[in-house]
Amino acid sequence: MGGYQGKQYHVIAAQDGTYEFDGRPYESLSKIAYEITGTRWSGPLFFGLRARPETKTSPKKGVRA
């Protein structure tokens, strides 16, 4: 099961589109992810609601394929 640094976090989604975490209301999942990690995150990505985008590798400049 997922989590962050070995700890599980629980968020409640309200019908009005807000979220509750640790007894406090939040406007977005991204703000909760920031509260947990201290860095900016996509909330849906952090909580596993969206898959990570695949990274495309491009050839280095000046290198012919």
C-alpha atoms as a PDB file:
ATOM      1  CA  MET A   1       0.000   0.000   0.000  1.00  0.00           C
ATOM      2  CA  GLY A   2       1.212   3.498  -0.787  1.00  0.00           C
ATOM      3  CA  GLY A   3       2.117   6.305   1.520  1.00  0.00           C
ATOM      4  CA  TYR A   4       4.832   8.865   2.023  1.00  0.00           C
ATOM      5  CA  GLN A   5       8.009   8.007   3.893  1.00  0.00           C
ATOM      6  CA  GLY A   6       6.339   4.914   5.334  1.00  0.00           C
ATOM      7  CA  LYS A   7       3.310   6.716   6.734  1.00  0.00           C
ATOM      8  CA  GLN A   8      -0.289   6.513   5.514  1.00  0.00           C
ATOM      9  CA  TYR A   9      -2.379   9.665   5.163  1.00  0.00           C
ATOM     10  CA  HIS A  10      -6.162   9.890   4.985  1.00  0.00           C
ATOM     11  CA  VAL A  11      -8.102  12.641   3.272  1.00  0.00           C
ATOM     12  CA  ILE A  12     -11.869  13.134   3.253  1.00  0.00           C
ATOM     13  CA  ALA A  13     -13.433  14.574   0.093  1.00  0.00           C
ATOM     14  CA  ALA A  14     -16.495  16.723   0.825  1.00  0.00           C
ATOM     15  CA  GLN A  15     -19.460  17.147  -1.501  1.00  0.00           C
ATOM     16  CA  ASP A  16     -18.703  20.861  -1.879  1.00  0.00           C
ATOM     17  CA  GLY A  17     -15.345  20.079  -3.547  1.00  0.00           C
ATOM     18  CA  THR A  18     -13.146  20.759  -0.514  1.00  0.00           C
ATOM     19  CA  TYR A  19     -11.016  18.266   1.382  1.00  0.00           C
ATOM     20  CA  GLU A  20     -10.376  17.581   5.044  1.00  0.00           C
ATOM     21  CA  PHE A  21      -6.974  16.500   6.295  1.00  0.00           C
ATOM     22  CA  ASP A  22      -5.788  16.297   9.879  1.00  0.00           C
ATOM     23  CA  GLY A  23      -9.015  17.941  11.061  1.00  0.00           C
ATOM     24  CA  ARG A  24      -8.599  21.021   8.834  1.00  0.00           C
ATOM     25  CA  PRO A  25     -10.287  22.024   5.549  1.00  0.00           C
ATOM     26  CA  TYR A  26      -8.247  22.434   2.353  1.00  0.00           C
ATOM     27  CA  GLU A  27      -9.165  23.798  -1.075  1.00  0.00           C
ATOM     28  CA  SER A  28      -7.130  21.228  -3.006  1.00  0.00           C
ATOM     29  CA  LEU A  29      -5.246  17.960  -2.826  1.00  0.00           C
ATOM     30  CA  SER A  30      -2.133  19.830  -3.928  1.00  0.00           C
ATOM     31  CA  LYS A  31      -2.212  21.937  -0.770  1.00  0.00           C
ATOM     32  CA  ILE A  32      -2.476  18.780   1.324  1.00  0.00           C
ATOM     33  CA  ALA A  33       0.437  17.201  -0.561  1.00  0.00           C
ATOM     34  CA  TYR A  34       2.470  20.339   0.178  1.00  0.00           C
ATOM     35  CA  GLU A  35       1.495  20.140   3.860  1.00  0.00           C
ATOM     36  CA  ILE A  36       2.741  16.547   3.991  1.00  0.00           C
ATOM     37  CA  THR A  37       5.956  16.892   1.967  1.00  0.00           C
ATOM     38  CA  GLY A  38       6.947  20.548   2.203  1.00  0.00           C
ATOM     39  CA  THR A  39       7.350  20.657  -1.579  1.00  0.00           C
ATOM     40  CA  ARG A  40       4.992  21.435  -4.456  1.00  0.00           C
ATOM     41  CA  TRP A  41       3.163  18.434  -5.886  1.00  0.00           C
ATOM     42  CA  SER A  42       0.242  17.728  -8.140  1.00  0.00           C
ATOM     43  CA  GLY A  43      -2.276  16.544  -5.551  1.00  0.00           C
ATOM     44  CA  PRO A  44      -3.913  13.923  -7.791  1.00  0.00           C
ATOM     45  CA  LEU A  45      -0.476  12.602  -8.750  1.00  0.00           C
ATOM     46  CA  PHE A  46       0.721  12.511  -5.130  1.00  0.00           C
ATOM     47  CA  PHE A  47      -2.356  10.601  -3.969  1.00  0.00           C
ATOM     48  CA  GLY A  48      -2.224   8.159  -6.889  1.00  0.00           C
ATOM     49  CA  LEU A  49      -5.357   9.409  -8.633  1.00  0.00           C
ATOM     50  CA  ARG A  50      -3.412  10.189 -11.796  1.00  0.00           C
ATOM     51  CA  ALA A  51      -0.573   8.241 -13.387  1.00  0.00           C
ATOM     52  CA  ARG A  52       2.835   9.838 -13.783  1.00  0.00           C
ATOM     53  CA  PRO A  53       3.336  11.102 -17.322  1.00  0.00           C
ATOM     54  CA  GLU A  54       5.828   9.116 -19.323  1.00  0.00           C
ATOM     55  CA  THR A  55       9.042  11.008 -19.897  1.00  0.00           C
ATOM     56  CA  LYS A  56      10.248  11.230 -23.458  1.00  0.00           C
ATOM     57  CA  THR A  57      13.966  10.965 -23.998  1.00  0.00           C
ATOM     58  CA  SER A  58      15.301  12.990 -26.864  1.00  0.00           C
ATOM     59  CA  PRO A  59      18.683  12.648 -28.497  1.00  0.00           C
ATOM     60  CA  LYS A  60      21.382  14.983 -27.233  1.00  0.00           C
ATOM     61  CA  LYS A  61      22.023  18.113 -29.235  1.00  0.00           C
ATOM     62  CA  GLY A  62      24.532  17.657 -31.996  1.00  0.00           C
ATOM     63  CA  VAL A  63      24.197  13.873 -32.062  1.00  0.00           C
ATOM     64  CA  ARG A  64      22.918  12.323 -35.271  1.00  0.00           C
ATOM     65  CA  ALA A  65      20.685   9.329 -35.074  1.00  0.00           C
END
